[in-house]
PDB file of N, CA and C in Angstrom:
ATOM      1  N   UNK A   1     137.250 165.135 115.380  1.00  0.00           N
ATOM      2  CA  UNK A   1     137.485 163.743 115.745  1.00  0.00           C
ATOM      3  C   UNK A   1     136.291 162.877 115.346  1.00  0.00           C
ATOM      4  N   UNK A   2     135.103 163.424 115.473  1.00  0.00           N
ATOM      5  CA  UNK A   2     133.919 162.637 115.166  1.00  0.00           C
ATOM      6  C   UNK A   2     133.909 162.205 113.696  1.00  0.00           C
ATOM      7  N   UNK A   3     134.356 163.080 112.804  1.00  0.00           N
ATOM      8  CA  UNK A   3     134.400 162.742 111.383  1.00  0.00           C
ATOM      9  C   UNK A   3     135.366 161.586 111.126  1.00  0.00           C
ATOM     10  N   UNK A   4     136.435 161.496 111.899  1.00  0.00           N
ATOM     11  CA  UNK A   4     137.391 160.402 111.747  1.00  0.00           C
ATOM     12  C   UNK A   4     136.870 159.107 112.359  1.00  0.00           C
ATOM     13  N   UNK A   5     135.886 159.196 113.238  1.00  0.00           N
ATOM     14  CA  UNK A   5     135.298 158.017 113.866  1.00  0.00           C
ATOM     15  C   UNK A   5     134.119 157.473 113.066  1.00  0.00           C
ATOM     16  N   UNK A   6     133.742 158.148 111.997  1.00  0.00           N
ATOM     17  CA  UNK A   6     132.604 157.725 111.180  1.00  0.00           C
ATOM     18  C   UNK A   6     132.879 156.325 110.631  1.00  0.00           C
ATOM     19  N   UNK A   7     132.057 155.318 111.001  1.00  0.00           N
ATOM     20  CA  UNK A   7     132.317 153.942 110.578  1.00  0.00           C
ATOM     21  C   UNK A   7     132.127 153.693 109.078  1.00  0.00           C
ATOM     22  N   UNK A   8     131.577 154.667 108.378  1.00  0.00           N
ATOM     23  CA  UNK A   8     131.386 154.505 106.931  1.00  0.00           C
ATOM     24  C   UNK A   8     132.705 154.608 106.163  1.00  0.00           C
ATOM     25  N   UNK A   9     133.761 155.109 106.806  1.00  0.00           N
ATOM     26  CA  UNK A   9     135.031 155.347 106.121  1.00  0.00           C
ATOM     27  C   UNK A   9     136.197 154.775 106.905  1.00  0.00           C
ATOM     28  N   UNK A  10     137.140 154.158 106.202  1.00  0.00           N
ATOM     29  CA  UNK A  10     138.402 153.750 106.827  1.00  0.00           C
ATOM     30  C   UNK A  10     139.364 154.928 106.860  1.00  0.00           C
ATOM     31  N   UNK A  11     139.449 155.644 105.755  1.00  0.00           N
ATOM     32  CA  UNK A  11     140.309 156.808 105.609  1.00  0.00           C
ATOM     33  C   UNK A  11     139.450 157.984 105.179  1.00  0.00           C
ATOM     34  N   UNK A  12     139.843 159.208 105.564  1.00  0.00           N
ATOM     35  CA  UNK A  12     139.094 160.404 105.203  1.00  0.00           C
ATOM     36  C   UNK A  12     139.993 161.406 104.500  1.00  0.00           C
ATOM     37  N   UNK A  13     139.459 162.072 103.488  1.00  0.00           N
ATOM     38  CA  UNK A  13     140.166 163.161 102.820  1.00  0.00           C
ATOM     39  C   UNK A  13     139.892 164.457 103.561  1.00  0.00           C
ATOM     40  N   UNK A  14     140.725 165.453 103.318  1.00  0.00           N
ATOM     41  CA  UNK A  14     140.486 166.766 103.911  1.00  0.00           C
ATOM     42  C   UNK A  14     139.120 167.295 103.498  1.00  0.00           C
ATOM     43  N   UNK A  15     138.795 167.158 102.212  1.00  0.00           N
ATOM     44  CA  UNK A  15     137.516 167.682 101.734  1.00  0.00           C
ATOM     45  C   UNK A  15     136.340 166.939 102.366  1.00  0.00           C
ATOM     46  N   UNK A  16     136.471 165.631 102.562  1.00  0.00           N
ATOM     47  CA  UNK A  16     135.409 164.861 103.193  1.00  0.00           C
ATOM     48  C   UNK A  16     135.176 165.268 104.635  1.00  0.00           C
ATOM     49  N   UNK A  17     136.276 165.457 105.357  1.00  0.00           N
ATOM     50  CA  UNK A  17     136.165 165.893 106.759  1.00  0.00           C
ATOM     51  C   UNK A  17     135.573 167.296 106.812  1.00  0.00           C
ATOM     52  N   UNK A  18     136.086 168.188 105.959  1.00  0.00           N
ATOM     53  CA  UNK A  18     135.624 169.574 105.950  1.00  0.00           C
ATOM     54  C   UNK A  18     134.132 169.662 105.639  1.00  0.00           C
ATOM     55  N   UNK A  19     133.667 168.897 104.666  1.00  0.00           N
ATOM     56  CA  UNK A  19     132.246 168.971 104.327  1.00  0.00           C
ATOM     57  C   UNK A  19     131.371 168.383 105.429  1.00  0.00           C
ATOM     58  N   UNK A  20     131.877 167.362 106.132  1.00  0.00           N
ATOM     59  CA  UNK A  20     131.085 166.758 107.206  1.00  0.00           C
ATOM     60  C   UNK A  20     130.953 167.682 108.416  1.00  0.00           C
ATOM     61  N   UNK A  21     132.030 168.377 108.746  1.00  0.00           N
ATOM     62  CA  UNK A  21     131.997 169.202 109.961  1.00  0.00           C
ATOM     63  C   UNK A  21     131.756 170.685 109.694  1.00  0.00           C
ATOM     64  N   UNK A  22     131.804 171.103 108.428  1.00  0.00           N
ATOM     65  CA  UNK A  22     131.541 172.492 108.104  1.00  0.00           C
ATOM     66  C   UNK A  22     132.657 173.455 108.458  1.00  0.00           C
ATOM     67  N   UNK A  23     133.888 172.973 108.381  1.00  0.00           N
ATOM     68  CA  UNK A  23     135.064 173.801 108.657  1.00  0.00           C
ATOM     69  C   UNK A  23     135.931 173.787 107.397  1.00  0.00           C
ATOM     70  N   UNK A  24     136.532 174.923 107.020  1.00  0.00           N
ATOM     71  CA  UNK A  24     137.368 174.962 105.813  1.00  0.00           C
ATOM     72  C   UNK A  24     138.547 173.984 105.886  1.00  0.00           C
ATOM     73  N   UNK A  25     138.944 173.487 104.718  1.00  0.00           N
ATOM     74  CA  UNK A  25     140.025 172.493 104.637  1.00  0.00           C
ATOM     75  C   UNK A  25     141.320 172.978 105.265  1.00  0.00           C
ATOM     76  N   UNK A  26     141.669 174.265 105.094  1.00  0.00           N
ATOM     77  CA  UNK A  26     142.932 174.752 105.669  1.00  0.00           C
ATOM     78  C   UNK A  26     142.917 174.671 107.201  1.00  0.00           C
ATOM     79  N   UNK A  27     141.774 174.892 107.803  1.00  0.00           N
ATOM     80  CA  UNK A  27     141.653 174.774 109.270  1.00  0.00           C
ATOM     81  C   UNK A  27     141.702 173.297 109.688  1.00  0.00           C
ATOM     82  N   UNK A  28     141.067 172.428 108.892  1.00  0.00           N
ATOM     83  CA  UNK A  28     141.115 170.987 109.169  1.00  0.00           C
ATOM     84  C   UNK A  28     142.563 170.508 109.136  1.00  0.00           C
ATOM     85  N   UNK A  29     143.350 170.956 108.158  1.00  0.00           N
ATOM     86  CA  UNK A  29     144.756 170.558 108.054  1.00  0.00           C
ATOM     87  C   UNK A  29     145.536 170.966 109.300  1.00  0.00           C
ATOM     88  N   UNK A  30     145.278 172.148 109.823  1.00  0.00           N
ATOM     89  CA  UNK A  30     145.950 172.622 111.039  1.00  0.00           C
ATOM     90  C   UNK A  30     145.556 171.759 112.237  1.00  0.00           C
ATOM     91  N   UNK A  31     144.266 171.460 112.338  1.00  0.00           N
ATOM     92  CA  UNK A  31     143.779 170.635 113.442  1.00  0.00           C
ATOM     93  C   UNK A  31     144.400 169.233 113.377  1.00  0.00           C
ATOM     94  N   UNK A  32     144.428 168.640 112.189  1.00  0.00           N
ATOM     95  CA  UNK A  32     144.992 167.295 112.037  1.00  0.00           C
ATOM     96  C   UNK A  32     146.484 167.281 112.376  1.00  0.00           C
ATOM     97  N   UNK A  33     147.186 168.328 112.011  1.00  0.00           N
ATOM     98  CA  UNK A  33     148.614 168.437 112.344  1.00  0.00           C
ATOM     99  C   UNK A  33     148.797 168.464 113.862  1.00  0.00           C
ATOM    100  N   UNK A  34     147.915 169.180 114.552  1.00  0.00           N
ATOM    101  CA  UNK A  34     148.002 169.259 116.012  1.00  0.00           C
ATOM    102  C   UNK A  34     147.663 167.927 116.678  1.00  0.00           C
ATOM    103  N   UNK A  35     146.928 167.077 115.972  1.00  0.00           N
ATOM    104  CA  UNK A  35     146.516 165.776 116.516  1.00  0.00           C
ATOM    105  C   UNK A  35     147.390 164.627 116.007  1.00  0.00           C
ATOM    106  N   UNK A  36     148.604 164.929 115.578  1.00  0.00           N
ATOM    107  CA  UNK A  36     149.501 163.907 115.008  1.00  0.00           C
ATOM    108  C   UNK A  36     149.653 162.665 115.862  1.00  0.00           C
ATOM    109  N   UNK A  37     149.554 162.808 117.161  1.00  0.00           N
ATOM    110  CA  UNK A  37     149.715 161.662 118.047  1.00  0.00           C
ATOM    111  C   UNK A  37     148.581 160.665 117.954  1.00  0.00           C
ATOM    112  N   UNK A  38     147.414 161.117 117.558  1.00  0.00           N
ATOM    113  CA  UNK A  38     146.254 160.218 117.485  1.00  0.00           C
ATOM    114  C   UNK A  38     145.724 160.036 116.070  1.00  0.00           C
ATOM    115  N   UNK A  39     146.253 160.814 115.125  1.00  0.00           N
ATOM    116  CA  UNK A  39     145.809 160.729 113.734  1.00  0.00           C
ATOM    117  C   UNK A  39     146.987 160.319 112.866  1.00  0.00           C
ATOM    118  N   UNK A  40     146.749 159.373 111.980  1.00  0.00           N
ATOM    119  CA  UNK A  40     147.809 158.996 111.038  1.00  0.00           C
ATOM    120  C   UNK A  40     147.416 159.417 109.633  1.00  0.00           C
ATOM    121  N   UNK A  41     148.430 159.681 108.826  1.00  0.00           N
ATOM    122  CA  UNK A  41     148.213 160.142 107.459  1.00  0.00           C
ATOM    123  C   UNK A  41     148.662 159.067 106.479  1.00  0.00           C
ATOM    124  N   UNK A  42     147.883 158.878 105.446  1.00  0.00           N
ATOM    125  CA  UNK A  42     148.238 157.971 104.359  1.00  0.00           C
ATOM    126  C   UNK A  42     148.136 158.716 103.046  1.00  0.00           C
ATOM    127  N   UNK A  43     148.208 157.979 101.954  1.00  0.00           N
ATOM    128  CA  UNK A  43     148.101 158.577 100.622  1.00  0.00           C
ATOM    129  C   UNK A  43     147.150 157.742  99.777  1.00  0.00           C
ATOM    130  N   UNK A  44     146.402 158.415  98.915  1.00  0.00           N
ATOM    131  CA  UNK A  44     145.547 157.714  97.964  1.00  0.00           C
ATOM    132  C   UNK A  44     146.407 157.257  96.785  1.00  0.00           C
ATOM    133  N   UNK A  45     145.799 156.532  95.858  1.00  0.00           N
ATOM    134  CA  UNK A  45     146.522 156.119  94.648  1.00  0.00           C
ATOM    135  C   UNK A  45     146.968 157.328  93.837  1.00  0.00           C
ATOM    136  N   UNK A  46     146.230 158.430  93.985  1.00  0.00           N
ATOM    137  CA  UNK A  46     146.568 159.670  93.282  1.00  0.00           C
ATOM    138  C   UNK A  46     147.529 160.547  94.083  1.00  0.00           C
ATOM    139  N   UNK A  47     148.081 159.986  95.165  1.00  0.00           N
ATOM    140  CA  UNK A  47     149.046 160.669  96.025  1.00  0.00           C
ATOM    141  C   UNK A  47     148.440 161.832  96.818  1.00  0.00           C
ATOM    142  N   UNK A  48     147.139 161.757  97.087  1.00  0.00           N
ATOM    143  CA  UNK A  48     146.489 162.766  97.914  1.00  0.00           C
ATOM    144  C   UNK A  48     146.484 162.294  99.364  1.00  0.00           C
ATOM    145  N   UNK A  49     146.599 163.224 100.326  1.00  0.00           N
ATOM    146  CA  UNK A  49     146.610 162.809 101.734  1.00  0.00           C
ATOM    147  C   UNK A  49     145.235 162.343 102.209  1.00  0.00           C
ATOM    148  N   UNK A  50     145.237 161.313 103.019  1.00  0.00           N
ATOM    149  CA  UNK A  50     144.040 160.821 103.692  1.00  0.00           C
ATOM    150  C   UNK A  50     144.402 160.590 105.157  1.00  0.00           C
ATOM    151  N   UNK A  51     143.380 160.583 106.009  1.00  0.00           N
ATOM    152  CA  UNK A  51     143.614 160.543 107.450  1.00  0.00           C
ATOM    153  C   UNK A  51     142.686 159.541 108.122  1.00  0.00           C
ATOM    154  N   UNK A  52     143.152 159.006 109.249  1.00  0.00           N
ATOM    155  CA  UNK A  52     142.323 158.170 110.112  1.00  0.00           C
ATOM    156  C   UNK A  52     142.905 158.222 111.514  1.00  0.00           C
ATOM    157  N   UNK A  53     142.089 157.796 112.472  1.00  0.00           N
ATOM    158  CA  UNK A  53     142.584 157.690 113.835  1.00  0.00           C
ATOM    159  C   UNK A  53     143.589 156.554 113.903  1.00  0.00           C
ATOM    160  N   UNK A  54     144.633 156.746 114.669  1.00  0.00           N
ATOM    161  CA  UNK A  54     145.607 155.663 114.852  1.00  0.00           C
ATOM    162  C   UNK A  54     144.914 154.494 115.518  1.00  0.00           C
ATOM    163  N   UNK A  55     145.239 153.327 115.082  1.00  0.00           N
ATOM    164  CA  UNK A  55     144.649 152.129 115.665  1.00  0.00           C
ATOM    165  C   UNK A  55     145.508 151.656 116.818  1.00  0.00           C
ATOM    166  N   UNK A  56     144.847 151.223 117.853  1.00  0.00           N
ATOM    167  CA  UNK A  56     145.553 150.698 119.013  1.00  0.00           C
ATOM    168  C   UNK A  56     146.096 149.314 118.681  1.00  0.00           C
ATOM    169  N   UNK A  57     147.334 149.028 119.041  1.00  0.00           N
ATOM    170  CA  UNK A  57     147.826 147.673 118.841  1.00  0.00           C
ATOM    171  C   UNK A  57     147.032 146.709 119.713  1.00  0.00           C
ATOM    172  N   UNK A  58     146.890 145.460 119.299  1.00  0.00           N
ATOM    173  CA  UNK A  58     146.131 144.510 120.119  1.00  0.00           C
ATOM    174  C   UNK A  58     146.780 144.319 121.489  1.00  0.00           C
ATOM    175  N   UNK A  59     145.944 144.133 122.488  1.00  0.00           N
ATOM    176  CA  UNK A  59     146.452 143.908 123.838  1.00  0.00           C
ATOM    177  C   UNK A  59     147.089 142.522 123.923  1.00  0.00           C
ATOM    178  N   UNK A  60     147.812 142.275 124.990  1.00  0.00           N
ATOM    179  CA  UNK A  60     148.438 140.968 125.196  1.00  0.00           C
ATOM    180  C   UNK A  60     147.362 139.876 125.237  1.00  0.00           C
ATOM    181  N   UNK A  61     146.262 140.165 125.896  1.00  0.00           N
ATOM    182  CA  UNK A  61     145.160 139.206 125.985  1.00  0.00           C
ATOM    183  C   UNK A  61     144.585 138.903 124.594  1.00  0.00           C
ATOM    184  N   UNK A  62     144.386 139.922 123.765  1.00  0.00           N
ATOM    185  CA  UNK A  62     143.869 139.723 122.402  1.00  0.00           C
ATOM    186  C   UNK A  62     144.842 138.909 121.557  1.00  0.00           C
ATOM    187  N   UNK A  63     146.140 139.188 121.691  1.00  0.00           N
ATOM    188  CA  UNK A  63     147.148 138.413 120.942  1.00  0.00           C
ATOM    189  C   UNK A  63     147.130 136.957 121.382  1.00  0.00           C
ATOM    190  N   UNK A  64     147.000 136.713 122.688  1.00  0.00           N
ATOM    191  CA  UNK A  64     146.962 135.350 123.209  1.00  0.00           C
ATOM    192  C   UNK A  64     145.790 134.584 122.606  1.00  0.00           C
ATOM    193  N   UNK A  65     144.580 135.158 122.681  1.00  0.00           N
ATOM    194  CA  UNK A  65     143.400 134.454 122.173  1.00  0.00           C
ATOM    195  C   UNK A  65     143.437 134.298 120.662  1.00  0.00           C
ATOM    196  N   UNK A  66     144.018 135.251 119.975  1.00  0.00           N
ATOM    197  CA  UNK A  66     144.175 135.128 118.529  1.00  0.00           C
ATOM    198  C   UNK A  66     145.089 133.947 118.201  1.00  0.00           C
ATOM    199  N   UNK A  67     146.183 133.816 118.954  1.00  0.00           N
ATOM    200  CA  UNK A  67     147.119 132.705 118.758  1.00  0.00           C
ATOM    201  C   UNK A  67     146.442 131.372 119.055  1.00  0.00           C
ATOM    202  N   UNK A  68     145.726 131.304 120.171  1.00  0.00           N
ATOM    203  CA  UNK A  68     145.043 130.066 120.563  1.00  0.00           C
ATOM    204  C   UNK A  68     144.026 129.666 119.501  1.00  0.00           C
ATOM    205  N   UNK A  69     143.258 130.625 119.022  1.00  0.00           N
ATOM    206  CA  UNK A  69     142.240 130.348 118.007  1.00  0.00           C
ATOM    207  C   UNK A  69     142.885 129.827 116.727  1.00  0.00           C
ATOM    208  N   UNK A  70     143.958 130.468 116.280  1.00  0.00           N
ATOM    209  CA  UNK A  70     144.641 130.028 115.062  1.00  0.00           C
ATOM    210  C   UNK A  70     145.242 128.640 115.250  1.00  0.00           C
ATOM    211  N   UNK A  71     145.826 128.391 116.424  1.00  0.00           N
ATOM    212  CA  UNK A  71     146.446 127.093 116.695  1.00  0.00           C
ATOM    213  C   UNK A  71     145.412 125.982 116.713  1.00  0.00           C
ATOM    214  N   UNK A  72     144.271 126.232 117.345  1.00  0.00           N
ATOM    215  CA  UNK A  72     143.247 125.178 117.424  1.00  0.00           C
ATOM    216  C   UNK A  72     142.617 124.931 116.068  1.00  0.00           C
ATOM    217  N   UNK A  73     142.491 125.963 115.241  1.00  0.00           N
ATOM    218  CA  UNK A  73     141.917 125.777 113.912  1.00  0.00           C
ATOM    219  C   UNK A  73     142.858 124.971 113.011  1.00  0.00           C
ATOM    220  N   UNK A  74     144.143 125.201 113.133  1.00  0.00           N
ATOM    221  CA  UNK A  74     145.095 124.485 112.269  1.00  0.00           C
ATOM    222  C   UNK A  74     145.286 123.056 112.728  1.00  0.00           C
ATOM    223  N   UNK A  75     145.097 122.783 114.019  1.00  0.00           N
ATOM    224  CA  UNK A  75     145.289 121.406 114.502  1.00  0.00           C
ATOM    225  C   UNK A  75     144.019 120.575 114.389  1.00  0.00           C
ATOM    226  N   UNK A  76     142.887 121.216 114.075  1.00  0.00           N
ATOM    227  CA  UNK A  76     141.641 120.460 113.973  1.00  0.00           C
ATOM    228  C   UNK A  76     141.364 119.987 112.553  1.00  0.00           C
ATOM    229  N   UNK A  77     142.343 120.159 111.668  1.00  0.00           N
ATOM    230  CA  UNK A  77     142.178 119.704 110.283  1.00  0.00           C
ATOM    231  C   UNK A  77     142.100 118.180 110.211  1.00  0.00           C
ATOM    232  N   UNK A  78     141.478 117.691 109.179  1.00  0.00           N
ATOM    233  CA  UNK A  78     141.346 116.233 109.036  1.00  0.00           C
ATOM    234  C   UNK A  78     142.637 115.609 108.553  1.00  0.00           C
ATOM    235  N   UNK A  79     142.841 114.392 108.940  1.00  0.00           N
ATOM    236  CA  UNK A  79     144.022 113.645 108.491  1.00  0.00           C
ATOM    237  C   UNK A  79     143.566 112.452 107.676  1.00  0.00           C
ATOM    238  N   UNK A  80     144.380 112.041 106.718  1.00  0.00           N
ATOM    239  CA  UNK A  80     143.963 110.905 105.887  1.00  0.00           C
ATOM    240  C   UNK A  80     144.648 109.644 106.307  1.00  0.00           C
TER     241      UNK A  80
END
């Protein structure tokens, strides 16, 4: 999990995770499969699998303030 939390990367390859934690790629693949609920899989341009922690959807409070901020920015524009 720590390798997936590394802020230097948005997505991680099996080889990148394996080299960081010192565990063979086949074992990393098994671990990631077991963590499907918290890990999501994507693909590179070369169609290779990459992984990251699932992102939490914004809370209701975060959505509210995001809306308020966007609304106030769009209404504060200058008029001619």
